[in-house]
Amino acid sequence: MSIILSKRMLVNGKIIDLLENSDLGKLIQNFKINPSTIAIMLNGEIIDKTNLKIKLKENDEIELIKFVGGG
């Protein structure tokens, strides 16, 4: 029997469960988002997109903010 550990966190206002070893890059891949089209906030701080290997922790609050063009 194997046990899959997960962490619960808040992403764009919704509670989700991610695998224990998840990082920001994996989260963005799960949402099928191009990182160049978003801004990322982790626990109220803007994250540099060159650092997507940040490990996520239980109860992290993440905002993925998508850029929208218009006029």
N, C-alpha and C. Protein backbone atom coordinates (compact mmCIF):
# COMPACT_ATOMS: atom_id res chain seq x y z
N MET A 1 0.85 -1.17 0.00
CA MET A 1 0.00 0.00 0.00
C MET A 1 0.90 1.24 0.00
N SER A 2 0.60 2.18 -0.87
CA SER A 2 1.38 3.42 -0.89
C SER A 2 0.49 4.58 -0.47
N ILE A 3 1.11 5.54 0.16
CA ILE A 3 0.39 6.72 0.63
C ILE A 3 0.89 7.91 -0.17
N ILE A 4 -0.03 8.66 -0.76
CA ILE A 4 0.32 9.88 -1.48
C ILE A 4 0.03 11.05 -0.56
N LEU A 5 1.07 11.78 -0.22
CA LEU A 5 0.91 12.93 0.66
C LEU A 5 0.57 14.16 -0.17
N SER A 6 -0.31 14.98 0.35
CA SER A 6 -0.66 16.20 -0.36
C SER A 6 -0.70 17.37 0.61
N LYS A 7 -0.68 18.55 0.01
CA LYS A 7 -0.75 19.79 0.78
C LYS A 7 -1.96 20.57 0.29
N ARG A 8 -2.62 21.23 1.20
CA ARG A 8 -3.76 22.06 0.87
C ARG A 8 -3.31 23.51 0.84
N MET A 9 -3.69 24.21 -0.23
CA MET A 9 -3.34 25.63 -0.34
C MET A 9 -4.43 26.37 -1.08
N LEU A 10 -4.32 27.68 -1.07
CA LEU A 10 -5.31 28.54 -1.70
C LEU A 10 -4.70 29.11 -2.97
N VAL A 11 -5.35 28.83 -4.11
CA VAL A 11 -4.88 29.33 -5.40
C VAL A 11 -6.02 30.11 -6.04
N ASN A 12 -5.79 31.40 -6.25
CA ASN A 12 -6.80 32.29 -6.82
C ASN A 12 -8.13 32.17 -6.08
N GLY A 13 -8.06 32.08 -4.78
CA GLY A 13 -9.25 32.06 -3.95
C GLY A 13 -9.91 30.69 -3.80
N LYS A 14 -9.35 29.65 -4.40
CA LYS A 14 -9.93 28.31 -4.33
C LYS A 14 -8.97 27.38 -3.60
N ILE A 15 -9.50 26.55 -2.73
CA ILE A 15 -8.69 25.57 -2.00
C ILE A 15 -8.39 24.41 -2.94
N ILE A 16 -7.12 24.07 -3.07
CA ILE A 16 -6.73 22.92 -3.87
C ILE A 16 -5.74 22.07 -3.08
N ASP A 17 -5.60 20.82 -3.50
CA ASP A 17 -4.62 19.91 -2.92
C ASP A 17 -3.56 19.63 -3.98
N LEU A 18 -2.29 19.73 -3.60
CA LEU A 18 -1.18 19.43 -4.49
C LEU A 18 -0.30 18.36 -3.85
N LEU A 19 0.44 17.64 -4.68
CA LEU A 19 1.36 16.64 -4.16
C LEU A 19 2.40 17.29 -3.26
N GLU A 20 2.89 16.55 -2.33
CA GLU A 20 3.80 17.03 -1.29
C GLU A 20 5.03 17.75 -1.85
N ASN A 21 5.59 17.29 -2.96
CA ASN A 21 6.82 17.87 -3.48
C ASN A 21 6.59 18.94 -4.54
N SER A 22 5.44 19.56 -4.56
CA SER A 22 5.11 20.54 -5.60
C SER A 22 5.86 21.85 -5.41
N ASP A 23 6.17 22.46 -6.55
CA ASP A 23 6.77 23.79 -6.53
C ASP A 23 5.94 24.70 -7.45
N LEU A 24 6.29 25.97 -7.52
CA LEU A 24 5.52 26.91 -8.33
C LEU A 24 5.47 26.49 -9.80
N GLY A 25 6.59 26.02 -10.33
CA GLY A 25 6.63 25.59 -11.72
C GLY A 25 5.64 24.48 -12.02
N LYS A 26 5.59 23.48 -11.13
CA LYS A 26 4.64 22.37 -11.31
C LYS A 26 3.20 22.85 -11.21
N LEU A 27 2.95 23.78 -10.29
CA LEU A 27 1.60 24.33 -10.15
C LEU A 27 1.17 25.01 -11.45
N ILE A 28 2.04 25.82 -12.02
CA ILE A 28 1.71 26.53 -13.26
C ILE A 28 1.49 25.53 -14.40
N GLN A 29 2.30 24.47 -14.45
CA GLN A 29 2.10 23.42 -15.46
C GLN A 29 0.74 22.75 -15.29
N ASN A 30 0.34 22.49 -14.05
CA ASN A 30 -0.96 21.85 -13.79
C ASN A 30 -2.11 22.70 -14.33
N PHE A 31 -1.97 24.01 -14.27
CA PHE A 31 -3.01 24.91 -14.76
C PHE A 31 -2.87 25.19 -16.26
N LYS A 32 -1.81 24.63 -16.89
CA LYS A 32 -1.56 24.81 -18.32
C LYS A 32 -1.50 26.29 -18.70
N ILE A 33 -0.69 27.03 -17.92
CA ILE A 33 -0.54 28.47 -18.12
C ILE A 33 0.89 28.73 -18.60
N ASN A 34 1.01 29.63 -19.57
CA ASN A 34 2.33 30.07 -20.02
C ASN A 34 2.86 31.06 -18.98
N PRO A 35 3.97 30.77 -18.31
CA PRO A 35 4.47 31.66 -17.26
C PRO A 35 4.74 33.09 -17.72
N SER A 36 5.02 33.26 -19.00
CA SER A 36 5.32 34.62 -19.48
C SER A 36 4.07 35.50 -19.55
N THR A 37 2.88 34.91 -19.39
CA THR A 37 1.65 35.69 -19.49
C THR A 37 1.01 36.00 -18.13
N ILE A 38 1.73 35.71 -17.04
CA ILE A 38 1.14 35.91 -15.71
C ILE A 38 2.12 36.61 -14.77
N ALA A 39 1.56 37.16 -13.71
CA ALA A 39 2.33 37.59 -12.55
C ALA A 39 1.98 36.60 -11.44
N ILE A 40 2.93 36.33 -10.56
CA ILE A 40 2.74 35.34 -9.51
C ILE A 40 2.94 36.00 -8.15
N MET A 41 1.96 35.81 -7.27
CA MET A 41 2.10 36.26 -5.89
C MET A 41 2.03 35.04 -4.99
N LEU A 42 2.97 34.96 -4.05
CA LEU A 42 3.00 33.88 -3.08
C LEU A 42 2.98 34.52 -1.69
N ASN A 43 1.91 34.27 -0.97
CA ASN A 43 1.74 34.82 0.38
C ASN A 43 1.94 36.34 0.39
N GLY A 44 1.37 37.01 -0.62
CA GLY A 44 1.38 38.47 -0.67
C GLY A 44 2.62 39.09 -1.27
N GLU A 45 3.58 38.28 -1.73
CA GLU A 45 4.80 38.81 -2.32
C GLU A 45 4.90 38.42 -3.78
N ILE A 46 5.29 39.38 -4.63
CA ILE A 46 5.48 39.09 -6.05
C ILE A 46 6.73 38.22 -6.20
N ILE A 47 6.60 37.17 -7.01
CA ILE A 47 7.68 36.20 -7.20
C ILE A 47 8.33 36.43 -8.56
N ASP A 48 9.65 36.42 -8.57
CA ASP A 48 10.42 36.50 -9.81
C ASP A 48 10.23 35.18 -10.56
N LYS A 49 9.80 35.25 -11.81
CA LYS A 49 9.50 34.04 -12.58
C LYS A 49 10.74 33.23 -12.94
N THR A 50 11.93 33.73 -12.65
CA THR A 50 13.13 32.92 -12.86
C THR A 50 13.35 31.97 -11.68
N ASN A 51 12.48 32.06 -10.67
CA ASN A 51 12.62 31.25 -9.46
C ASN A 51 11.37 30.40 -9.23
N LEU A 52 10.98 29.60 -10.23
CA LEU A 52 9.77 28.80 -10.11
C LEU A 52 9.98 27.48 -9.38
N LYS A 53 11.18 27.24 -8.88
CA LYS A 53 11.47 26.01 -8.12
C LYS A 53 11.16 26.17 -6.64
N ILE A 54 10.54 27.29 -6.25
CA ILE A 54 10.17 27.50 -4.85
C ILE A 54 9.19 26.41 -4.43
N LYS A 55 9.55 25.68 -3.39
CA LYS A 55 8.67 24.62 -2.87
C LYS A 55 7.46 25.25 -2.18
N LEU A 56 6.30 24.67 -2.45
CA LEU A 56 5.07 25.16 -1.84
C LEU A 56 4.84 24.46 -0.51
N LYS A 57 4.25 25.20 0.43
CA LYS A 57 4.00 24.67 1.77
C LYS A 57 2.50 24.66 2.05
N GLU A 58 2.12 23.84 2.99
CA GLU A 58 0.73 23.78 3.45
C GLU A 58 0.24 25.19 3.78
N ASN A 59 -0.94 25.52 3.33
CA ASN A 59 -1.62 26.80 3.59
C ASN A 59 -1.00 28.00 2.88
N ASP A 60 -0.13 27.77 1.88
CA ASP A 60 0.34 28.89 1.07
C ASP A 60 -0.85 29.52 0.34
N GLU A 61 -0.75 30.82 0.11
CA GLU A 61 -1.76 31.54 -0.66
C GLU A 61 -1.10 32.04 -1.94
N ILE A 62 -1.62 31.58 -3.08
CA ILE A 62 -1.02 31.87 -4.37
C ILE A 62 -2.03 32.58 -5.25
N GLU A 63 -1.57 33.61 -5.93
CA GLU A 63 -2.40 34.30 -6.92
C GLU A 63 -1.66 34.22 -8.24
N LEU A 64 -2.31 33.69 -9.27
CA LEU A 64 -1.79 33.67 -10.62
C LEU A 64 -2.59 34.70 -11.40
N ILE A 65 -1.96 35.81 -11.73
CA ILE A 65 -2.66 36.94 -12.33
C ILE A 65 -2.32 36.99 -13.82
N LYS A 66 -3.32 36.76 -14.65
CA LYS A 66 -3.13 36.69 -16.10
C LYS A 66 -3.26 38.07 -16.72
N PHE A 67 -2.33 38.37 -17.61
CA PHE A 67 -2.38 39.64 -18.32
C PHE A 67 -3.42 39.57 -19.41
N VAL A 68 -4.20 40.64 -19.55
CA VAL A 68 -5.22 40.71 -20.59
C VAL A 68 -5.00 42.00 -21.36
N GLY A 69 -4.92 41.87 -22.66
CA GLY A 69 -4.74 43.05 -23.52
C GLY A 69 -6.10 43.62 -23.91
N GLY A 70 -6.09 44.83 -24.28
CA GLY A 70 -7.34 45.44 -24.72
C GLY A 70 -7.12 46.92 -24.96
N GLY A 71 -8.17 47.56 -25.31
CA GLY A 71 -7.99 48.97 -25.58
C GLY A 71 -9.27 49.74 -25.44
